[in-house]
């Protein structure tokens, strides 16, 4: 995934700059999400991977599937990605990097909270407040349950990981004893 992100980053950053200049940040979020969904479709993945299909034809197929949901610049992006060494498969990664660029510009960050049990609203608010203070930006919490944690939580915000789970503590203890 890191390699895909590395390849996708220049495209995502360029698109984000264009979107900011034109005041179309939300429009591009929508277009890139749609294109990422299209590129993730099993049938489309097969077409993208088919070396017999000309790049220009593949770009036409994607634009046709979009059915008018893309701006002229969005269509140009599809054509550039198709013609540059078959980069249409990068669309999901481009959309992801674009959203990270957008979140950074809007001073907000998604924080994932994984817990052994459902997190009650008071705990969510406490975590949200603590992470806002630590990160210095608006925080959007995403929660999910992972019973294998046994207890506690794992909090992920970008490259920051706070493992306060019982499973994590047991691993630390095991490494100290082993």
N, C-alpha and C. Protein backbone atom coordinates (compact mmCIF):
# COMPACT_ATOMS: atom_id res chain seq x y z
N UNK A 1 0.82 -1.19 0.00
CA UNK A 1 0.00 0.00 0.00
C UNK A 1 0.86 1.25 0.00
N UNK A 2 2.00 1.19 0.69
CA UNK A 2 2.88 2.36 0.75
C UNK A 2 3.36 2.74 -0.64
N UNK A 3 3.64 1.73 -1.48
CA UNK A 3 4.09 2.02 -2.84
C UNK A 3 2.98 2.71 -3.64
N UNK A 4 1.74 2.23 -3.51
CA UNK A 4 0.62 2.87 -4.19
C UNK A 4 0.45 4.31 -3.73
N UNK A 5 0.58 4.53 -2.44
CA UNK A 5 0.46 5.88 -1.90
C UNK A 5 1.55 6.78 -2.46
N UNK A 6 2.76 6.26 -2.56
CA UNK A 6 3.87 7.03 -3.11
C UNK A 6 3.60 7.41 -4.56
N UNK A 7 3.07 6.48 -5.34
CA UNK A 7 2.75 6.76 -6.74
C UNK A 7 1.56 7.71 -6.87
N UNK A 8 0.61 7.58 -5.96
CA UNK A 8 -0.62 8.38 -6.03
C UNK A 8 -0.43 9.82 -5.55
N UNK A 9 0.50 10.01 -4.63
CA UNK A 9 0.66 11.32 -3.99
C UNK A 9 0.81 12.49 -4.97
N UNK A 10 1.69 12.43 -5.98
CA UNK A 10 1.82 13.60 -6.87
C UNK A 10 0.51 13.95 -7.58
N UNK A 11 -0.24 12.94 -7.99
CA UNK A 11 -1.52 13.20 -8.65
C UNK A 11 -2.50 13.83 -7.68
N UNK A 12 -2.59 13.26 -6.47
CA UNK A 12 -3.54 13.76 -5.47
C UNK A 12 -3.22 15.19 -5.06
N UNK A 13 -1.95 15.48 -4.86
CA UNK A 13 -1.55 16.83 -4.46
C UNK A 13 -1.85 17.82 -5.58
N UNK A 14 -1.55 17.45 -6.82
CA UNK A 14 -1.83 18.33 -7.95
C UNK A 14 -3.33 18.59 -8.08
N UNK A 15 -4.13 17.54 -7.95
CA UNK A 15 -5.58 17.69 -8.03
C UNK A 15 -6.08 18.57 -6.89
N UNK A 16 -5.55 18.37 -5.70
CA UNK A 16 -6.00 19.17 -4.57
C UNK A 16 -5.68 20.65 -4.79
N UNK A 17 -4.50 20.93 -5.30
CA UNK A 17 -4.13 22.34 -5.58
C UNK A 17 -5.07 22.96 -6.61
N UNK A 18 -5.37 22.22 -7.64
CA UNK A 18 -6.30 22.71 -8.67
C UNK A 18 -7.68 22.93 -8.05
N UNK A 19 -8.13 21.98 -7.25
CA UNK A 19 -9.45 22.09 -6.60
C UNK A 19 -9.51 23.31 -5.70
N UNK A 20 -8.44 23.57 -4.95
CA UNK A 20 -8.41 24.75 -4.09
C UNK A 20 -8.47 26.03 -4.91
N UNK A 21 -7.66 26.09 -5.96
CA UNK A 21 -7.62 27.29 -6.81
C UNK A 21 -8.98 27.60 -7.41
N UNK A 22 -9.70 26.55 -7.81
CA UNK A 22 -10.99 26.74 -8.47
C UNK A 22 -12.17 26.73 -7.50
N UNK A 23 -11.89 26.52 -6.22
CA UNK A 23 -12.97 26.46 -5.23
C UNK A 23 -13.85 25.23 -5.43
N UNK A 24 -13.23 24.12 -5.84
CA UNK A 24 -13.98 22.90 -6.15
C UNK A 24 -13.53 21.71 -5.29
N UNK A 25 -13.16 21.98 -4.06
CA UNK A 25 -12.64 20.93 -3.19
C UNK A 25 -13.68 19.84 -2.96
N UNK A 26 -14.91 20.22 -2.66
CA UNK A 26 -15.98 19.25 -2.41
C UNK A 26 -16.32 18.48 -3.69
N UNK A 27 -16.39 19.18 -4.81
CA UNK A 27 -16.67 18.54 -6.10
C UNK A 27 -15.64 17.47 -6.40
N UNK A 28 -14.35 17.79 -6.18
CA UNK A 28 -13.30 16.82 -6.44
C UNK A 28 -13.35 15.65 -5.47
N UNK A 29 -13.73 15.90 -4.23
CA UNK A 29 -13.92 14.78 -3.29
C UNK A 29 -14.93 13.80 -3.85
N UNK A 30 -16.04 14.34 -4.33
CA UNK A 30 -17.11 13.49 -4.88
C UNK A 30 -16.64 12.76 -6.13
N UNK A 31 -15.98 13.48 -7.04
CA UNK A 31 -15.52 12.85 -8.28
C UNK A 31 -14.50 11.75 -8.00
N UNK A 32 -13.55 12.03 -7.11
CA UNK A 32 -12.52 11.04 -6.82
C UNK A 32 -13.09 9.82 -6.10
N UNK A 33 -14.05 10.04 -5.21
CA UNK A 33 -14.69 8.90 -4.55
C UNK A 33 -15.40 8.04 -5.59
N UNK A 34 -16.12 8.68 -6.49
CA UNK A 34 -16.81 7.94 -7.55
C UNK A 34 -15.80 7.18 -8.41
N UNK A 35 -14.73 7.84 -8.83
CA UNK A 35 -13.72 7.19 -9.67
C UNK A 35 -13.03 6.05 -8.93
N UNK A 36 -12.80 6.22 -7.64
CA UNK A 36 -12.20 5.15 -6.83
C UNK A 36 -13.13 3.94 -6.80
N UNK A 37 -14.44 4.19 -6.66
CA UNK A 37 -15.41 3.09 -6.66
C UNK A 37 -15.42 2.39 -8.02
N UNK A 38 -15.37 3.17 -9.08
CA UNK A 38 -15.35 2.59 -10.43
C UNK A 38 -14.10 1.72 -10.60
N UNK A 39 -12.94 2.26 -10.22
CA UNK A 39 -11.68 1.53 -10.39
C UNK A 39 -11.60 0.30 -9.49
N UNK A 40 -12.38 0.27 -8.43
CA UNK A 40 -12.37 -0.87 -7.50
C UNK A 40 -13.32 -1.97 -7.91
N UNK A 41 -14.19 -1.68 -8.87
CA UNK A 41 -15.14 -2.68 -9.35
C UNK A 41 -14.38 -3.84 -10.01
N UNK A 42 -14.81 -5.07 -9.73
CA UNK A 42 -14.10 -6.25 -10.23
C UNK A 42 -13.98 -6.26 -11.76
N UNK A 43 -15.06 -5.92 -12.45
CA UNK A 43 -15.02 -5.90 -13.91
C UNK A 43 -14.05 -4.84 -14.41
N UNK A 44 -14.10 -3.67 -13.78
CA UNK A 44 -13.22 -2.58 -14.21
C UNK A 44 -11.76 -2.92 -13.91
N UNK A 45 -11.50 -3.58 -12.79
CA UNK A 45 -10.13 -4.00 -12.48
C UNK A 45 -9.59 -4.90 -13.59
N UNK A 46 -10.46 -5.78 -14.10
CA UNK A 46 -10.05 -6.65 -15.19
C UNK A 46 -9.71 -5.87 -16.44
N UNK A 47 -10.51 -4.86 -16.75
CA UNK A 47 -10.23 -4.02 -17.92
C UNK A 47 -8.95 -3.22 -17.74
N UNK A 48 -8.77 -2.67 -16.55
CA UNK A 48 -7.57 -1.88 -16.27
C UNK A 48 -6.31 -2.73 -16.40
N UNK A 49 -6.40 -3.98 -15.99
CA UNK A 49 -5.24 -4.88 -16.03
C UNK A 49 -5.00 -5.50 -17.40
N UNK A 50 -5.95 -5.37 -18.32
CA UNK A 50 -5.85 -6.00 -19.64
C UNK A 50 -4.88 -5.22 -20.53
N UNK A 51 -3.72 -5.78 -20.84
CA UNK A 51 -2.73 -5.06 -21.64
C UNK A 51 -3.15 -4.89 -23.11
N UNK A 52 -4.15 -5.64 -23.55
CA UNK A 52 -4.61 -5.54 -24.94
C UNK A 52 -5.49 -4.31 -25.18
N UNK A 53 -6.04 -3.76 -24.13
CA UNK A 53 -6.93 -2.61 -24.25
C UNK A 53 -6.11 -1.33 -24.32
N UNK A 54 -6.30 -0.57 -25.40
CA UNK A 54 -5.57 0.69 -25.58
C UNK A 54 -5.93 1.66 -24.47
N UNK A 55 -4.96 2.46 -24.06
CA UNK A 55 -5.16 3.43 -22.98
C UNK A 55 -6.29 4.40 -23.29
N UNK A 56 -6.35 4.86 -24.54
CA UNK A 56 -7.39 5.82 -24.91
C UNK A 56 -8.78 5.19 -24.83
N UNK A 57 -8.89 3.92 -25.20
CA UNK A 57 -10.17 3.20 -25.13
C UNK A 57 -10.58 2.99 -23.68
N UNK A 58 -9.61 2.65 -22.85
CA UNK A 58 -9.89 2.45 -21.43
C UNK A 58 -10.37 3.75 -20.80
N UNK A 59 -9.72 4.85 -21.13
CA UNK A 59 -10.14 6.16 -20.62
C UNK A 59 -11.57 6.46 -21.07
N UNK A 60 -11.89 6.15 -22.33
CA UNK A 60 -13.26 6.36 -22.84
C UNK A 60 -14.27 5.55 -22.05
N UNK A 61 -13.92 4.31 -21.74
CA UNK A 61 -14.82 3.44 -20.98
C UNK A 61 -15.10 4.05 -19.60
N UNK A 62 -14.06 4.50 -18.93
CA UNK A 62 -14.23 5.08 -17.59
C UNK A 62 -15.07 6.35 -17.67
N UNK A 63 -14.79 7.19 -18.63
CA UNK A 63 -15.56 8.44 -18.80
C UNK A 63 -17.02 8.10 -19.12
N UNK A 64 -17.25 7.10 -19.96
CA UNK A 64 -18.62 6.68 -20.29
C UNK A 64 -19.34 6.16 -19.05
N UNK A 65 -18.65 5.36 -18.26
CA UNK A 65 -19.24 4.82 -17.03
C UNK A 65 -19.61 5.97 -16.10
N UNK A 66 -18.81 7.03 -16.08
CA UNK A 66 -19.07 8.18 -15.22
C UNK A 66 -20.36 8.88 -15.62
N UNK A 67 -20.74 8.77 -16.88
CA UNK A 67 -22.03 9.31 -17.32
C UNK A 67 -22.25 10.78 -16.99
N UNK A 68 -21.27 11.62 -17.21
CA UNK A 68 -21.44 13.05 -16.98
C UNK A 68 -21.16 13.50 -15.55
N UNK A 69 -20.69 12.60 -14.70
CA UNK A 69 -20.41 12.97 -13.31
C UNK A 69 -19.04 13.62 -13.14
N UNK A 70 -18.28 13.71 -14.23
CA UNK A 70 -16.94 14.29 -14.16
C UNK A 70 -16.91 15.64 -14.87
N UNK A 71 -16.15 16.57 -14.32
CA UNK A 71 -15.92 17.83 -15.01
C UNK A 71 -14.94 17.56 -16.16
N UNK A 72 -14.70 18.58 -16.98
CA UNK A 72 -13.71 18.43 -18.05
C UNK A 72 -12.34 18.09 -17.48
N UNK A 73 -12.00 18.72 -16.37
CA UNK A 73 -10.71 18.46 -15.74
C UNK A 73 -10.68 17.04 -15.17
N UNK A 74 -11.80 16.57 -14.66
CA UNK A 74 -11.90 15.19 -14.17
C UNK A 74 -11.69 14.19 -15.30
N UNK A 75 -12.29 14.47 -16.44
CA UNK A 75 -12.10 13.60 -17.61
C UNK A 75 -10.64 13.62 -18.04
N UNK A 76 -10.01 14.80 -17.99
CA UNK A 76 -8.59 14.89 -18.35
C UNK A 76 -7.72 14.07 -17.40
N UNK A 77 -8.07 14.08 -16.13
CA UNK A 77 -7.32 13.27 -15.16
C UNK A 77 -7.41 11.80 -15.54
N UNK A 78 -8.59 11.34 -15.89
CA UNK A 78 -8.77 9.94 -16.29
C UNK A 78 -7.89 9.62 -17.50
N UNK A 79 -7.87 10.52 -18.48
CA UNK A 79 -7.07 10.29 -19.68
C UNK A 79 -5.57 10.26 -19.36
N UNK A 80 -5.12 11.18 -18.50
CA UNK A 80 -3.71 11.21 -18.13
C UNK A 80 -3.32 9.93 -17.39
N UNK A 81 -4.16 9.50 -16.45
CA UNK A 81 -3.86 8.28 -15.69
C UNK A 81 -3.84 7.05 -16.59
N UNK A 82 -4.75 7.00 -17.56
CA UNK A 82 -4.80 5.86 -18.47
C UNK A 82 -3.56 5.81 -19.36
N UNK A 83 -3.11 6.97 -19.78
CA UNK A 83 -2.02 7.03 -20.74
C UNK A 83 -0.64 7.00 -20.09
N UNK A 84 -0.55 7.24 -18.79
CA UNK A 84 0.74 7.21 -18.10
C UNK A 84 0.96 5.85 -17.45
N UNK A 85 1.40 4.90 -18.25
CA UNK A 85 1.76 3.57 -17.75
C UNK A 85 0.61 2.89 -17.01
N UNK A 86 -0.60 3.09 -17.47
CA UNK A 86 -1.74 2.40 -16.88
C UNK A 86 -1.97 2.72 -15.42
N UNK A 87 -2.09 3.97 -15.09
CA UNK A 87 -2.21 4.38 -13.69
C UNK A 87 -3.65 4.51 -13.19
N UNK A 88 -4.62 4.06 -13.95
CA UNK A 88 -6.02 4.14 -13.49
C UNK A 88 -6.25 3.33 -12.21
N UNK A 89 -5.49 2.29 -12.03
CA UNK A 89 -5.60 1.49 -10.82
C UNK A 89 -5.22 2.25 -9.56
N UNK A 90 -4.59 3.42 -9.73
CA UNK A 90 -4.21 4.25 -8.59
C UNK A 90 -5.37 5.09 -8.05
N UNK A 91 -6.49 5.11 -8.75
CA UNK A 91 -7.58 6.00 -8.36
C UNK A 91 -8.01 5.86 -6.89
N UNK A 92 -8.16 4.65 -6.35
CA UNK A 92 -8.52 4.57 -4.93
C UNK A 92 -7.46 5.22 -4.01
N UNK A 93 -6.19 5.01 -4.32
CA UNK A 93 -5.12 5.61 -3.51
C UNK A 93 -5.08 7.12 -3.71
N UNK A 94 -5.33 7.59 -4.91
CA UNK A 94 -5.37 9.03 -5.17
C UNK A 94 -6.49 9.67 -4.36
N UNK A 95 -7.65 9.04 -4.35
CA UNK A 95 -8.78 9.56 -3.57
C UNK A 95 -8.43 9.62 -2.09
N UNK A 96 -7.77 8.59 -1.60
CA UNK A 96 -7.39 8.54 -0.18
C UNK A 96 -6.40 9.65 0.17
N UNK A 97 -5.36 9.81 -0.65
CA UNK A 97 -4.36 10.85 -0.39
C UNK A 97 -4.99 12.23 -0.52
N UNK A 98 -5.87 12.40 -1.50
CA UNK A 98 -6.57 13.68 -1.68
C UNK A 98 -7.34 14.04 -0.40
N UNK A 99 -8.05 13.08 0.17
CA UNK A 99 -8.83 13.34 1.38
C UNK A 99 -7.92 13.68 2.55
N UNK A 100 -6.74 13.07 2.62
CA UNK A 100 -5.80 13.44 3.68
C UNK A 100 -5.29 14.86 3.49
N UNK A 101 -5.01 15.24 2.24
CA UNK A 101 -4.58 16.61 1.94
C UNK A 101 -5.69 17.59 2.32
N UNK A 102 -6.92 17.24 1.99
CA UNK A 102 -8.06 18.10 2.30
C UNK A 102 -8.21 18.25 3.81
N UNK A 103 -8.12 17.14 4.52
CA UNK A 103 -8.27 17.18 5.98
C UNK A 103 -7.18 18.04 6.60
N UNK A 104 -5.96 17.92 6.12
CA UNK A 104 -4.86 18.73 6.66
C UNK A 104 -5.11 20.21 6.39
N UNK A 105 -5.57 20.54 5.20
CA UNK A 105 -5.84 21.93 4.85
C UNK A 105 -6.99 22.50 5.68
N UNK A 106 -7.95 21.65 5.99
CA UNK A 106 -9.10 22.08 6.79
C UNK A 106 -8.86 21.90 8.28
N UNK A 107 -7.63 21.54 8.64
CA UNK A 107 -7.24 21.34 10.03
C UNK A 107 -8.19 20.38 10.76
N UNK A 108 -8.36 19.22 10.15
CA UNK A 108 -9.14 18.17 10.79
C UNK A 108 -8.46 16.84 10.49
N UNK A 109 -8.69 15.90 11.37
CA UNK A 109 -8.07 14.59 11.19
C UNK A 109 -9.03 13.51 11.66
N UNK A 110 -9.03 12.42 10.93
CA UNK A 110 -9.83 11.27 11.33
C UNK A 110 -9.02 10.45 12.32
N UNK A 111 -9.66 10.12 13.42
CA UNK A 111 -9.02 9.31 14.46
C UNK A 111 -9.83 8.03 14.58
N UNK A 112 -9.14 6.90 14.43
CA UNK A 112 -9.79 5.60 14.55
C UNK A 112 -9.60 5.09 15.97
N UNK A 113 -10.71 4.71 16.58
CA UNK A 113 -10.68 4.14 17.93
C UNK A 113 -11.18 2.71 17.82
N UNK A 114 -10.29 1.76 18.11
CA UNK A 114 -10.65 0.35 18.08
C UNK A 114 -10.68 -0.12 19.53
N UNK A 115 -11.80 -0.72 19.91
CA UNK A 115 -11.96 -1.14 21.30
C UNK A 115 -12.49 -2.56 21.36
N UNK A 116 -12.30 -3.17 22.52
CA UNK A 116 -12.77 -4.54 22.71
C UNK A 116 -14.30 -4.57 22.81
N UNK A 117 -14.88 -3.47 23.25
CA UNK A 117 -16.34 -3.36 23.41
C UNK A 117 -16.79 -2.02 22.88
N UNK A 118 -18.08 -1.88 22.62
CA UNK A 118 -18.63 -0.62 22.13
C UNK A 118 -18.27 0.52 23.09
N UNK A 119 -17.88 1.65 22.53
CA UNK A 119 -17.47 2.81 23.32
C UNK A 119 -18.69 3.69 23.56
N UNK A 120 -18.93 4.04 24.83
CA UNK A 120 -20.09 4.87 25.13
C UNK A 120 -19.82 6.33 24.75
N UNK A 121 -20.86 7.13 24.58
CA UNK A 121 -20.69 8.52 24.13
C UNK A 121 -19.78 9.37 25.02
N UNK A 122 -19.80 9.15 26.32
CA UNK A 122 -18.94 9.93 27.22
C UNK A 122 -17.47 9.63 26.96
N UNK A 123 -17.14 8.37 26.78
CA UNK A 123 -15.75 8.00 26.50
C UNK A 123 -15.33 8.54 25.14
N UNK A 124 -16.23 8.47 24.15
CA UNK A 124 -15.92 9.03 22.82
C UNK A 124 -15.58 10.51 22.95
N UNK A 125 -16.38 11.24 23.72
CA UNK A 125 -16.14 12.67 23.88
C UNK A 125 -14.81 12.94 24.58
N UNK A 126 -14.48 12.14 25.58
CA UNK A 126 -13.22 12.29 26.30
C UNK A 126 -12.04 12.05 25.35
N UNK A 127 -12.14 10.98 24.55
CA UNK A 127 -11.07 10.67 23.59
C UNK A 127 -10.97 11.78 22.55
N UNK A 128 -12.11 12.23 22.05
CA UNK A 128 -12.14 13.30 21.05
C UNK A 128 -11.48 14.57 21.59
N UNK A 129 -11.83 14.97 22.80
CA UNK A 129 -11.24 16.17 23.40
C UNK A 129 -9.73 16.02 23.58
N UNK A 130 -9.30 14.86 24.07
CA UNK A 130 -7.87 14.62 24.30
C UNK A 130 -7.10 14.65 22.98
N UNK A 131 -7.65 14.04 21.94
CA UNK A 131 -6.96 14.00 20.65
C UNK A 131 -6.96 15.37 19.98
N UNK A 132 -8.03 16.14 20.14
CA UNK A 132 -8.04 17.51 19.60
C UNK A 132 -6.93 18.34 20.23
N UNK A 133 -6.79 18.18 21.54
CA UNK A 133 -5.75 18.92 22.27
C UNK A 133 -4.37 18.47 21.80
N UNK A 134 -4.18 17.17 21.67
CA UNK A 134 -2.87 16.62 21.28
C UNK A 134 -2.50 16.97 19.84
N UNK A 135 -3.48 16.88 18.92
CA UNK A 135 -3.20 17.10 17.50
C UNK A 135 -3.34 18.56 17.08
N UNK A 136 -4.04 19.34 17.87
CA UNK A 136 -4.23 20.75 17.54
C UNK A 136 -5.14 20.98 16.35
N UNK A 137 -6.11 20.08 16.16
CA UNK A 137 -7.04 20.24 15.05
C UNK A 137 -8.37 19.57 15.39
N UNK A 138 -9.35 19.82 14.54
CA UNK A 138 -10.65 19.17 14.71
C UNK A 138 -10.49 17.67 14.46
N UNK A 139 -11.20 16.88 15.25
CA UNK A 139 -11.07 15.43 15.18
C UNK A 139 -12.41 14.80 14.81
N UNK A 140 -12.36 13.86 13.89
CA UNK A 140 -13.53 13.05 13.54
C UNK A 140 -13.24 11.63 14.00
N UNK A 141 -14.04 11.14 14.95
CA UNK A 141 -13.81 9.80 15.48
C UNK A 141 -14.53 8.75 14.65
N UNK A 142 -13.81 7.69 14.36
CA UNK A 142 -14.40 6.49 13.77
C UNK A 142 -14.14 5.37 14.76
N UNK A 143 -15.18 4.66 15.14
CA UNK A 143 -15.00 3.58 16.12
C UNK A 143 -15.36 2.24 15.52
N UNK A 144 -14.68 1.23 16.01
CA UNK A 144 -15.04 -0.14 15.65
C UNK A 144 -14.63 -1.06 16.79
N UNK A 145 -15.26 -2.22 16.83
CA UNK A 145 -15.02 -3.18 17.89
C UNK A 145 -14.14 -4.31 17.37
N UNK A 146 -13.14 -4.68 18.18
CA UNK A 146 -12.26 -5.81 17.89
C UNK A 146 -12.09 -6.58 19.19
N UNK A 147 -12.84 -7.65 19.35
CA UNK A 147 -12.85 -8.42 20.60
C UNK A 147 -11.47 -9.01 20.93
N UNK A 148 -10.59 -9.15 19.93
CA UNK A 148 -9.28 -9.73 20.20
C UNK A 148 -8.40 -8.81 21.06
N UNK A 149 -8.81 -7.56 21.23
CA UNK A 149 -8.04 -6.64 22.08
C UNK A 149 -8.17 -7.00 23.56
N UNK A 150 -9.19 -7.79 23.89
CA UNK A 150 -9.49 -8.26 25.24
C UNK A 150 -10.07 -7.13 26.09
N UNK A 151 -9.43 -5.99 26.12
CA UNK A 151 -9.89 -4.81 26.86
C UNK A 151 -9.10 -3.60 26.42
N UNK A 152 -9.58 -2.41 26.76
CA UNK A 152 -8.87 -1.18 26.41
C UNK A 152 -9.14 -0.74 24.98
N UNK A 153 -8.27 0.14 24.48
CA UNK A 153 -8.45 0.71 23.14
C UNK A 153 -7.12 0.86 22.43
N UNK A 154 -7.22 0.94 21.10
CA UNK A 154 -6.09 1.33 20.25
C UNK A 154 -6.58 2.54 19.48
N UNK A 155 -5.82 3.62 19.54
CA UNK A 155 -6.20 4.87 18.87
C UNK A 155 -5.18 5.15 17.78
N UNK A 156 -5.68 5.38 16.55
CA UNK A 156 -4.81 5.69 15.41
C UNK A 156 -5.20 7.04 14.82
N UNK A 157 -4.20 7.91 14.70
CA UNK A 157 -4.41 9.21 14.08
C UNK A 157 -3.21 9.45 13.17
N UNK A 158 -3.38 9.15 11.89
CA UNK A 158 -2.26 9.27 10.97
C UNK A 158 -1.18 8.27 11.34
N UNK A 159 0.03 8.77 11.59
CA UNK A 159 1.15 7.90 11.96
C UNK A 159 1.21 7.64 13.47
N UNK A 160 0.37 8.31 14.23
CA UNK A 160 0.37 8.15 15.68
C UNK A 160 -0.52 6.98 16.07
N UNK A 161 0.04 6.07 16.86
CA UNK A 161 -0.73 4.93 17.36
C UNK A 161 -0.55 4.88 18.88
N UNK A 162 -1.66 4.88 19.58
CA UNK A 162 -1.66 4.75 21.04
C UNK A 162 -2.33 3.42 21.35
N UNK A 163 -1.53 2.47 21.82
CA UNK A 163 -2.06 1.14 22.12
C UNK A 163 -2.24 1.01 23.63
N UNK A 164 -3.48 1.20 24.06
CA UNK A 164 -3.81 1.06 25.48
C UNK A 164 -4.70 -0.16 25.67
N UNK A 165 -4.46 -1.19 24.83
CA UNK A 165 -5.28 -2.40 24.90
C UNK A 165 -4.61 -3.42 25.81
N UNK A 166 -5.40 -4.31 26.33
CA UNK A 166 -4.86 -5.38 27.17
C UNK A 166 -3.97 -6.30 26.33
N UNK A 167 -4.38 -6.56 25.09
CA UNK A 167 -3.55 -7.38 24.21
C UNK A 167 -2.18 -6.74 24.00
N UNK A 168 -2.16 -5.42 23.80
CA UNK A 168 -0.89 -4.70 23.63
C UNK A 168 -0.02 -4.76 24.86
N UNK A 169 -0.64 -4.63 26.02
CA UNK A 169 0.12 -4.72 27.27
C UNK A 169 0.68 -6.12 27.47
N UNK A 170 -0.09 -7.13 27.12
CA UNK A 170 0.40 -8.51 27.23
C UNK A 170 1.58 -8.75 26.30
N UNK A 171 1.54 -8.17 25.11
CA UNK A 171 2.67 -8.31 24.17
C UNK A 171 3.93 -7.64 24.73
N UNK A 172 3.74 -6.45 25.34
CA UNK A 172 4.89 -5.77 25.95
C UNK A 172 5.49 -6.62 27.06
N UNK A 173 4.63 -7.18 27.89
CA UNK A 173 5.10 -8.03 28.98
C UNK A 173 5.83 -9.26 28.45
N UNK A 174 5.27 -9.86 27.40
CA UNK A 174 5.89 -11.03 26.79
C UNK A 174 7.29 -10.69 26.25
N UNK A 175 7.43 -9.53 25.61
CA UNK A 175 8.73 -9.17 25.06
C UNK A 175 9.75 -8.88 26.16
N UNK A 176 9.29 -8.36 27.27
CA UNK A 176 10.21 -8.10 28.39
C UNK A 176 10.67 -9.40 29.06
N UNK A 177 9.76 -10.36 29.12
CA UNK A 177 10.08 -11.63 29.76
C UNK A 177 10.86 -12.57 28.84
N UNK A 178 10.64 -12.41 27.53
CA UNK A 178 11.21 -13.33 26.56
C UNK A 178 12.53 -12.91 26.15
